[in-house]
Amino acid sequence: MNNFEFYNPTRIVFGTDTTAKLDTLVPASAQVLILFGGASAKTNGTLAEVRTALGNRVIQEFGGIEPNPSYDTLTRAVEQVRKEKLDFLLAVGGGSVIDGTKFVAAAVPFEGDTWSILEQHGRNITAAMPFGSVLTLPATGSEMNSGGVVTRPAIRAKLAFQSPHTYPQFSILDPTKTFTLPPRQIANGVVDAFVHIIEQYLTYPSQAQVQDRFAEGLLQSLIETGPKALANPRDYDTRANLMWIATLALNGLIGAGVPQDWSTHMIGHELTALHGIDHARTLAIVLPASLQVRRESKREKLLQYAERVWQIREGSDEQRIDQAISRTRAFFQDMGIPTQLPDYDLAADAIDPIIAQLEAHGMTQLGEHRDVTLETSRRILETAL
C-alpha cells in the first residue's frame, strides 16, 4: 500500500425529510444562490422545499446548468454572485449541477481568466466560496469529493479540476428524491458509479486489502442493486443503497493508497465533447474495450476481479479474463446502455478527431502505468467499433 493522506470534510445528512435540515446547515445570515439544472427541480417540488427550509434568508436562483455543465453558463452564474454580493452557494441536482457549483465557488474569488482553472485542472485554486448540495441523482459522487468536470462547447473541450478548497461543506442525500427520475438517468448513474470504482480498483496489486475488499463489495452491491433500481423505482431501500454506493464510489476512501487509472474517463470526456454522448455511456463504450486491449498489464487484478466480483473460477487465465470482460459488458447492456461506437452512429472515421483532442489536452500518457499512449487510445477505440 502506498503512503497517503485521507481528508474529507463533507458532512453527509442522509435519509427521508432531511431537506428541512438546511435551516441548521446554512448560516442564518447567508445570502444564498440556489443553482439547479432543468425544470424538474421546480416541477417535482424540490426547489420549493429548499426555499421553505431556507426560511427568511436572502435567496436568488440560477437555473439551466446543463448535464455537462458549460463554462459559458457557469460564467453567468459567477457574474450574478459577484454583482449581487451573494456569499453562499447551494447546488440542487445531480453531479453536473454540483460540479458546476464547485467551479462557480472557485471562480468567484479567482483573479484572472477563470478558464485557467480548468486548463490547470484546479492547481491554481487558492480559495473558494462556501457551498453545499441537495443531491437528486446518484451517480458521480461529486456530493462528497473535491473534483468536477466542465465543458466548453465552443472549443470542444471537457476538462476536469480538483482542489482541497472545493469540497461541499455538506450534502443532503434523500433517496426519495430519486423516485421520479427517468430510467435512463438511473442506468447512467449505476454505470458511472461502477466505472468510478473500477478506475481505482482494477489496476495492479498493491497489497491494499481493505481498499480491494471495499471496492469489490461496492461493485457486487451495484450489480445486485442496479437492475432492482430500474425495476422498482419507488423501493426506498434499493434507492438508498444506490445513493450511498455512488457516494462511496468516489469520496476518496477506496482510492487512498492505491494506484488509479482514469484513462477510461479521459477518453470518454472527448466522446462527450465531440459527440454529446452521455458521460456514463462513453464509459460503457470505453471500459470493456480498454480492458481487452490492456489485459496483460491488468492481468493479476483482472483475475482477482473475475473471481471475487463475478465468481468466475473455472477455466484458464485467459478464459476467466474473457468472461470477466464479457460479464462487465453484459451488465452495462442489461442496464440498457449500448457499449459499441456504432450503437451511437460512430464509425472508424470518428477516431482521428478523438485522438487529436486527447493530444491537444495533453492526455498522451494515461493510466496507472502512464503507458496509455495515443496509439493505445486508438487501439481501444478501434476495439470499441
Protein backbone atom coordinates (compact mmCIF):
# COMPACT_ATOMS: atom_id res chain seq x y z
CA MET A 1 0.00 0.00 0.00
CA ASN A 2 1.27 3.45 -0.88
CA ASN A 3 1.61 6.33 1.58
CA PHE A 4 -1.48 8.50 1.64
CA GLU A 5 -3.33 11.29 3.38
CA PHE A 6 -7.11 10.99 3.57
CA TYR A 7 -9.14 14.11 4.21
CA ASN A 8 -12.83 14.59 3.58
CA PRO A 9 -14.63 17.41 5.43
CA THR A 10 -18.06 16.98 3.83
CA ARG A 11 -20.93 16.35 6.24
CA ILE A 12 -23.45 13.83 4.87
CA VAL A 13 -27.06 14.18 6.01
CA PHE A 14 -28.80 11.03 4.78
CA GLY A 15 -32.43 9.91 4.77
CA THR A 16 -36.02 10.97 4.33
CA ASP A 17 -37.20 14.50 5.12
CA THR A 18 -33.65 15.76 5.52
CA THR A 19 -34.01 18.83 3.27
CA ALA A 20 -35.54 20.64 6.24
CA LYS A 21 -32.14 20.50 7.94
CA LEU A 22 -30.88 23.18 5.57
CA ASP A 23 -32.04 25.67 8.17
CA THR A 24 -29.32 24.48 10.55
CA LEU A 25 -26.69 23.76 7.90
CA VAL A 26 -26.70 27.13 6.10
CA PRO A 27 -25.61 30.17 8.15
CA ALA A 28 -28.61 32.24 9.24
CA SER A 29 -27.15 35.41 7.73
CA ALA A 30 -26.23 33.79 4.40
CA GLN A 31 -27.23 35.33 1.09
CA VAL A 32 -27.79 32.22 -0.99
CA LEU A 33 -27.67 31.41 -4.68
CA ILE A 34 -29.51 28.19 -5.46
CA LEU A 35 -28.10 26.54 -8.57
CA PHE A 36 -30.04 23.86 -10.43
CA GLY A 37 -30.47 22.26 -13.82
CA GLY A 38 -33.71 21.87 -15.72
CA ALA A 39 -37.35 22.28 -14.87
CA SER A 40 -37.62 19.07 -12.87
CA ALA A 41 -36.29 20.74 -9.72
CA LYS A 42 -39.32 23.01 -9.86
CA THR A 43 -41.95 20.57 -11.08
CA ASN A 44 -41.14 17.86 -8.55
CA GLY A 45 -41.31 20.31 -5.65
CA THR A 46 -37.68 20.03 -4.56
CA LEU A 47 -36.90 23.67 -5.22
CA ALA A 48 -39.93 24.84 -3.23
CA GLU A 49 -38.93 22.54 -0.38
CA VAL A 50 -35.43 24.01 -0.39
CA ARG A 51 -36.72 27.58 -0.36
CA THR A 52 -39.04 26.78 2.54
CA ALA A 53 -36.19 25.24 4.51
CA LEU A 54 -34.02 28.32 3.95
CA GLY A 55 -36.68 30.50 5.55
CA ASN A 56 -36.07 34.24 5.56
CA ARG A 57 -32.57 34.19 4.13
CA VAL A 58 -31.85 36.25 1.03
CA ILE A 59 -32.28 33.80 -1.85
CA GLN A 60 -31.63 34.03 -5.56
CA GLU A 61 -31.80 31.31 -8.19
CA PHE A 62 -29.70 30.28 -11.16
CA GLY A 63 -31.13 27.54 -13.36
CA GLY A 64 -30.23 25.93 -16.64
CA ILE A 65 -26.99 24.16 -15.74
CA GLU A 66 -26.55 21.52 -18.41
CA PRO A 67 -25.95 17.76 -17.96
CA ASN A 68 -22.37 18.53 -18.99
CA PRO A 69 -22.06 21.94 -17.31
CA SER A 70 -21.00 24.60 -19.75
CA TYR A 71 -18.26 27.08 -18.93
CA ASP A 72 -20.26 29.89 -20.55
CA THR A 73 -23.34 29.10 -18.44
CA LEU A 74 -21.32 28.91 -15.25
CA THR A 75 -19.61 32.20 -16.06
CA ARG A 76 -23.02 33.87 -15.97
CA ALA A 77 -23.57 32.42 -12.51
CA VAL A 78 -20.19 33.81 -11.42
CA GLU A 79 -21.23 37.25 -12.66
CA GLN A 80 -24.51 37.05 -10.76
CA VAL A 81 -22.78 36.14 -7.50
CA ARG A 82 -20.28 38.95 -7.86
CA LYS A 83 -22.87 41.54 -8.85
CA GLU A 84 -25.36 40.65 -6.11
CA LYS A 85 -22.65 40.07 -3.47
CA LEU A 86 -24.01 36.63 -2.56
CA ASP A 87 -21.95 34.61 -0.12
CA PHE A 88 -23.24 31.02 -0.10
CA LEU A 89 -23.97 28.57 -2.93
CA LEU A 90 -26.41 25.68 -2.80
CA ALA A 91 -26.46 23.06 -5.55
CA VAL A 92 -29.79 21.28 -6.05
CA GLY A 93 -29.41 18.45 -8.51
CA GLY A 94 -27.05 15.73 -9.65
CA GLY A 95 -23.34 15.62 -10.31
CA SER A 96 -23.36 18.14 -13.13
CA VAL A 97 -25.04 20.81 -11.01
CA ILE A 98 -22.67 20.11 -8.12
CA ASP A 99 -19.64 20.13 -10.43
CA GLY A 100 -20.80 23.45 -11.85
CA THR A 101 -21.32 24.86 -8.37
CA LYS A 102 -17.78 23.88 -7.41
CA PHE A 103 -16.47 25.77 -10.40
CA VAL A 104 -18.54 28.85 -9.52
CA ALA A 105 -17.32 28.64 -5.92
CA ALA A 106 -13.71 28.66 -7.09
CA ALA A 107 -14.19 31.20 -9.89
CA VAL A 108 -15.90 33.97 -7.87
CA PRO A 109 -12.80 34.88 -5.80
CA PHE A 110 -10.39 33.96 -8.61
CA GLU A 111 -8.31 36.77 -10.11
CA GLY A 112 -7.60 36.41 -13.80
CA ASP A 113 -9.01 34.23 -16.57
CA THR A 114 -11.24 31.62 -14.91
CA TRP A 115 -10.74 29.22 -17.83
CA SER A 116 -7.21 28.73 -16.50
CA ILE A 117 -8.76 26.92 -13.53
CA LEU A 118 -9.66 24.16 -15.95
CA GLU A 119 -6.51 24.39 -18.03
CA GLN A 120 -4.53 23.82 -14.83
CA HIS A 121 -7.03 21.25 -13.52
CA GLY A 122 -7.61 23.25 -10.34
CA ARG A 123 -3.99 23.51 -9.24
CA ASN A 124 -4.25 27.31 -9.21
CA ILE A 125 -7.32 27.46 -6.94
CA THR A 126 -6.37 29.19 -3.69
CA ALA A 127 -9.84 29.88 -2.24
CA ALA A 128 -13.50 29.09 -2.85
CA MET A 129 -16.90 30.22 -1.64
CA PRO A 130 -18.72 28.02 0.88
CA PHE A 131 -21.34 25.75 -0.66
CA GLY A 132 -23.49 22.73 0.00
CA SER A 133 -25.65 20.40 -2.04
CA VAL A 134 -29.02 18.69 -2.11
CA LEU A 135 -28.44 15.58 -4.19
CA THR A 136 -31.21 14.40 -6.51
CA LEU A 137 -29.35 11.93 -8.76
CA PRO A 138 -26.96 9.21 -7.50
CA ALA A 139 -24.08 8.84 -9.95
CA THR A 140 -20.94 10.90 -9.76
CA GLY A 141 -20.02 11.11 -6.09
CA SER A 142 -19.50 14.84 -6.56
CA GLU A 143 -21.53 15.42 -3.40
CA MET A 144 -18.62 14.14 -1.29
CA ASN A 145 -15.47 14.96 -3.20
CA SER A 146 -13.48 17.98 -4.36
CA GLY A 147 -13.48 17.39 -8.13
CA GLY A 148 -15.59 18.45 -11.07
CA VAL A 149 -15.74 18.49 -14.86
CA VAL A 150 -16.71 21.45 -17.04
CA THR A 151 -17.34 21.59 -20.79
CA ARG A 152 -16.61 24.45 -23.18
CA PRO A 153 -18.56 23.58 -26.34
CA ALA A 154 -17.07 26.41 -28.41
CA ILE A 155 -13.67 24.71 -28.37
CA ARG A 156 -14.95 21.16 -27.83
CA ALA A 157 -13.17 20.80 -24.52
CA LYS A 158 -14.26 18.87 -21.44
CA LEU A 159 -11.75 19.28 -18.62
CA ALA A 160 -11.56 18.12 -15.01
CA PHE A 161 -10.44 20.08 -11.96
CA GLN A 162 -9.85 19.31 -8.30
CA SER A 163 -8.86 21.27 -5.23
CA PRO A 164 -8.92 20.90 -1.43
CA HIS A 165 -10.92 24.15 -1.47
CA THR A 166 -13.87 22.67 -3.41
CA TYR A 167 -15.34 20.12 -1.04
CA PRO A 168 -19.01 20.74 -0.24
CA GLN A 169 -19.50 21.77 3.37
CA PHE A 170 -22.45 19.39 3.49
CA SER A 171 -24.61 17.27 1.22
CA ILE A 172 -28.17 16.19 1.83
CA LEU A 173 -28.99 12.75 0.45
CA ASP A 174 -32.70 11.90 0.48
CA PRO A 175 -33.33 8.73 -1.56
CA THR A 176 -36.97 9.69 -2.13
CA LYS A 177 -35.71 12.50 -4.41
CA THR A 178 -34.73 9.81 -6.92
CA PHE A 179 -38.17 8.20 -7.21
CA THR A 180 -39.27 10.23 -10.24
CA LEU A 181 -36.01 10.08 -12.18
CA PRO A 182 -36.20 8.69 -15.73
CA PRO A 183 -34.79 5.14 -16.16
CA ARG A 184 -32.05 6.49 -18.42
CA GLN A 185 -30.65 8.64 -15.62
CA ILE A 186 -30.73 5.78 -13.12
CA ALA A 187 -28.98 3.46 -15.58
CA ASN A 188 -26.36 6.11 -16.29
CA GLY A 189 -25.81 6.60 -12.58
CA VAL A 190 -25.24 2.90 -11.97
CA VAL A 191 -22.68 2.65 -14.77
CA ASP A 192 -20.96 5.89 -13.76
CA ALA A 193 -20.50 4.67 -10.18
CA PHE A 194 -19.37 1.22 -11.40
CA VAL A 195 -16.61 2.68 -13.57
CA HIS A 196 -15.53 5.08 -10.81
CA ILE A 197 -14.84 2.05 -8.64
CA ILE A 198 -13.12 0.15 -11.44
CA GLU A 199 -10.75 3.03 -12.20
CA GLN A 200 -9.48 2.90 -8.61
CA TYR A 201 -9.52 -0.88 -8.22
CA LEU A 202 -8.70 -2.66 -11.47
CA THR A 203 -5.06 -1.63 -11.86
CA TYR A 204 -2.34 -3.83 -10.32
CA PRO A 205 -1.93 -5.41 -6.86
CA SER A 206 -0.71 -3.01 -4.18
CA GLN A 207 -1.37 -5.11 -1.06
CA ALA A 208 -4.25 -2.84 -0.08
CA GLN A 209 -6.61 -5.47 1.29
CA VAL A 210 -9.10 -3.06 2.83
CA GLN A 211 -9.46 -0.94 -0.29
CA ASP A 212 -9.78 -4.03 -2.53
CA ARG A 213 -12.46 -5.68 -0.42
CA PHE A 214 -14.34 -2.41 -0.03
CA ALA A 215 -14.27 -1.84 -3.80
CA GLU A 216 -15.33 -5.42 -4.53
CA GLY A 217 -18.22 -5.12 -2.11
CA LEU A 218 -19.40 -1.91 -3.76
CA LEU A 219 -19.16 -3.50 -7.22
CA GLN A 220 -21.17 -6.52 -6.11
CA SER A 221 -23.73 -4.25 -4.49
CA LEU A 222 -24.13 -2.28 -7.73
CA ILE A 223 -24.55 -5.48 -9.74
CA GLU A 224 -27.31 -6.50 -7.35
CA THR A 225 -28.89 -3.09 -6.87
CA GLY A 226 -28.76 -1.66 -10.40
CA PRO A 227 -31.44 -3.85 -12.01
CA LYS A 228 -33.66 -3.51 -8.93
CA ALA A 229 -33.42 0.27 -9.13
CA LEU A 230 -34.78 0.14 -12.68
CA ALA A 231 -37.46 -2.42 -11.93
CA ASN A 232 -38.77 -0.83 -8.70
CA PRO A 233 -38.38 2.96 -8.91
CA ARG A 234 -40.06 3.64 -5.56
CA ASP A 235 -38.36 0.97 -3.49
CA TYR A 236 -36.75 3.09 -0.79
CA ASP A 237 -34.14 0.58 0.36
CA THR A 238 -32.92 -0.04 -3.17
CA ARG A 239 -32.63 3.66 -3.96
CA ALA A 240 -30.99 4.34 -0.57
CA ASN A 241 -28.34 1.72 -1.23
CA LEU A 242 -27.73 3.01 -4.75
CA MET A 243 -27.35 6.58 -3.49
CA TRP A 244 -24.84 5.61 -0.81
CA ILE A 245 -22.86 3.31 -3.12
CA ALA A 246 -22.47 6.10 -5.67
CA THR A 247 -21.22 8.44 -2.95
CA LEU A 248 -18.72 5.95 -1.56
CA ALA A 249 -17.51 5.13 -5.06
CA LEU A 250 -15.73 8.46 -5.34
CA ASN A 251 -15.30 10.07 -1.94
CA GLY A 252 -11.60 9.19 -1.79
CA LEU A 253 -11.83 6.24 0.58
CA ILE A 254 -11.31 3.31 -1.80
CA GLY A 255 -8.69 5.24 -3.74
CA ALA A 256 -6.49 6.03 -0.74
CA GLY A 257 -3.07 4.41 -1.01
CA VAL A 258 -3.72 2.56 -4.27
CA PRO A 259 -2.76 3.14 -7.92
CA GLN A 260 -5.51 4.67 -10.05
CA ASP A 261 -6.24 4.61 -13.76
CA TRP A 262 -8.80 7.19 -15.08
CA SER A 263 -7.92 6.65 -18.75
CA THR A 264 -11.46 5.45 -19.47
CA HIS A 265 -12.78 8.76 -18.17
CA MET A 266 -10.31 10.88 -20.14
CA ILE A 267 -11.13 9.13 -23.42
CA GLY A 268 -14.82 9.26 -22.56
CA HIS A 269 -14.67 13.01 -21.96
CA GLU A 270 -13.60 13.52 -25.56
CA LEU A 271 -16.51 11.44 -26.82
CA THR A 272 -18.86 13.69 -24.88
CA ALA A 273 -17.16 16.88 -26.01
CA LEU A 274 -17.21 15.89 -29.69
CA HIS A 275 -20.46 13.96 -29.95
CA GLY A 276 -22.60 14.87 -26.94
CA ILE A 277 -22.87 11.28 -25.69
CA ASP A 278 -23.95 10.94 -22.05
CA HIS A 279 -20.90 10.67 -19.79
CA ALA A 280 -21.81 7.26 -18.39
CA ARG A 281 -22.45 5.90 -21.86
CA THR A 282 -18.98 6.93 -23.01
CA LEU A 283 -17.60 4.94 -20.08
CA ALA A 284 -19.64 1.91 -21.12
CA ILE A 285 -18.12 2.17 -24.59
CA VAL A 286 -14.53 2.63 -23.49
CA LEU A 287 -14.11 0.40 -20.43
CA PRO A 288 -14.71 -3.08 -21.94
CA ALA A 289 -12.52 -2.19 -24.92
CA SER A 290 -9.80 -0.84 -22.63
CA LEU A 291 -9.81 -3.99 -20.51
CA GLN A 292 -9.43 -6.07 -23.65
CA VAL A 293 -6.55 -4.02 -25.04
CA ARG A 294 -4.77 -3.69 -21.69
CA ARG A 295 -5.48 -7.16 -20.35
CA GLU A 296 -1.79 -8.06 -19.98
CA SER A 297 -0.86 -5.09 -17.78
CA LYS A 298 -4.02 -5.63 -15.71
CA ARG A 299 -3.79 -9.44 -15.66
CA GLU A 300 -3.47 -10.03 -11.92
CA LYS A 301 -6.25 -7.65 -10.99
CA LEU A 302 -8.49 -8.90 -13.83
CA LEU A 303 -8.21 -12.43 -12.45
CA GLN A 304 -8.97 -11.16 -8.95
CA TYR A 305 -11.93 -9.19 -10.31
CA ALA A 306 -13.20 -12.25 -12.16
CA GLU A 307 -13.10 -14.43 -9.04
CA ARG A 308 -14.18 -12.04 -6.32
CA VAL A 309 -16.77 -9.93 -8.15
CA TRP A 310 -18.17 -12.34 -10.75
CA GLN A 311 -17.33 -15.67 -9.00
CA ILE A 312 -15.56 -16.94 -12.15
CA ARG A 313 -13.26 -19.74 -11.00
CA GLU A 314 -13.24 -22.27 -13.84
CA GLY A 315 -11.11 -22.24 -16.97
CA SER A 316 -7.68 -20.97 -17.93
CA ASP A 317 -6.45 -17.50 -17.02
CA GLU A 318 -7.31 -16.22 -20.48
CA GLN A 319 -10.79 -17.74 -20.38
CA ARG A 320 -11.53 -16.22 -16.98
CA ILE A 321 -10.36 -12.80 -18.14
CA ASP A 322 -12.51 -13.12 -21.25
CA GLN A 323 -15.52 -13.98 -19.11
CA ALA A 324 -14.92 -11.08 -16.71
CA ILE A 325 -14.78 -8.58 -19.58
CA SER A 326 -17.83 -10.17 -21.20
CA ARG A 327 -19.82 -10.07 -17.95
CA THR A 328 -18.91 -6.40 -17.47
CA ARG A 329 -20.14 -5.52 -20.94
CA ALA A 330 -23.30 -7.59 -20.42
CA PHE A 331 -24.03 -5.77 -17.15
CA PHE A 332 -23.92 -2.41 -18.89
CA GLN A 333 -26.15 -3.74 -21.65
CA ASP A 334 -28.59 -5.18 -19.11
CA MET A 335 -28.85 -1.67 -17.69
CA GLY A 336 -29.98 -0.59 -21.15
CA ILE A 337 -26.71 1.05 -22.16
CA PRO A 338 -25.11 0.15 -25.53
CA THR A 339 -21.37 -0.50 -25.45
CA GLN A 340 -20.06 -0.06 -29.01
CA LEU A 341 -19.33 3.07 -31.04
CA PRO A 342 -21.65 2.03 -33.91
CA ASP A 343 -24.52 1.95 -31.39
CA TYR A 344 -24.08 5.74 -31.31
CA ASP A 345 -23.75 6.09 -35.09
CA LEU A 346 -19.99 6.45 -34.90
CA ALA A 347 -17.64 4.66 -37.28
CA ALA A 348 -13.88 4.42 -37.80
CA ASP A 349 -13.68 7.97 -39.14
CA ALA A 350 -14.64 9.26 -35.67
CA ILE A 351 -11.40 8.04 -34.14
CA ASP A 352 -8.86 10.51 -35.56
CA PRO A 353 -10.65 13.60 -34.15
CA ILE A 354 -10.83 11.96 -30.71
CA ILE A 355 -7.12 11.20 -30.78
CA ALA A 356 -6.40 14.77 -31.87
CA GLN A 357 -8.40 16.09 -28.91
CA LEU A 358 -6.57 13.81 -26.48
CA GLU A 359 -3.27 15.13 -27.81
CA ALA A 360 -4.43 18.75 -27.64
CA HIS A 361 -5.40 18.29 -23.98
CA GLY A 362 -2.15 16.59 -23.01
CA MET A 363 -3.77 13.18 -22.50
CA THR A 364 -0.85 11.29 -24.00
CA GLN A 365 0.35 9.20 -21.04
CA LEU A 366 -2.68 7.93 -19.20
CA GLY A 367 -3.36 5.03 -16.87
CA GLU A 368 -1.81 3.60 -13.72
CA HIS A 369 1.48 2.93 -15.55
CA ARG A 370 1.31 6.10 -17.68
CA ASP A 371 1.52 3.77 -20.68
CA VAL A 372 -1.81 4.56 -22.34
CA THR A 373 -0.30 6.48 -25.23
CA LEU A 374 -2.23 7.98 -28.13
CA GLU A 375 -1.62 4.74 -30.01
CA THR A 376 -3.07 2.72 -27.13
CA SER A 377 -6.10 5.01 -27.02
CA ARG A 378 -6.52 4.46 -30.74
CA ARG A 379 -6.48 0.67 -30.28
CA ILE A 380 -9.07 0.97 -27.52
CA LEU A 381 -11.39 2.99 -29.76
CA GLU A 382 -10.85 0.56 -32.65
CA THR A 383 -11.75 -2.31 -30.33
CA ALA A 384 -15.00 -0.48 -29.49
CA LEU A 385 -16.10 -0.48 -33.14
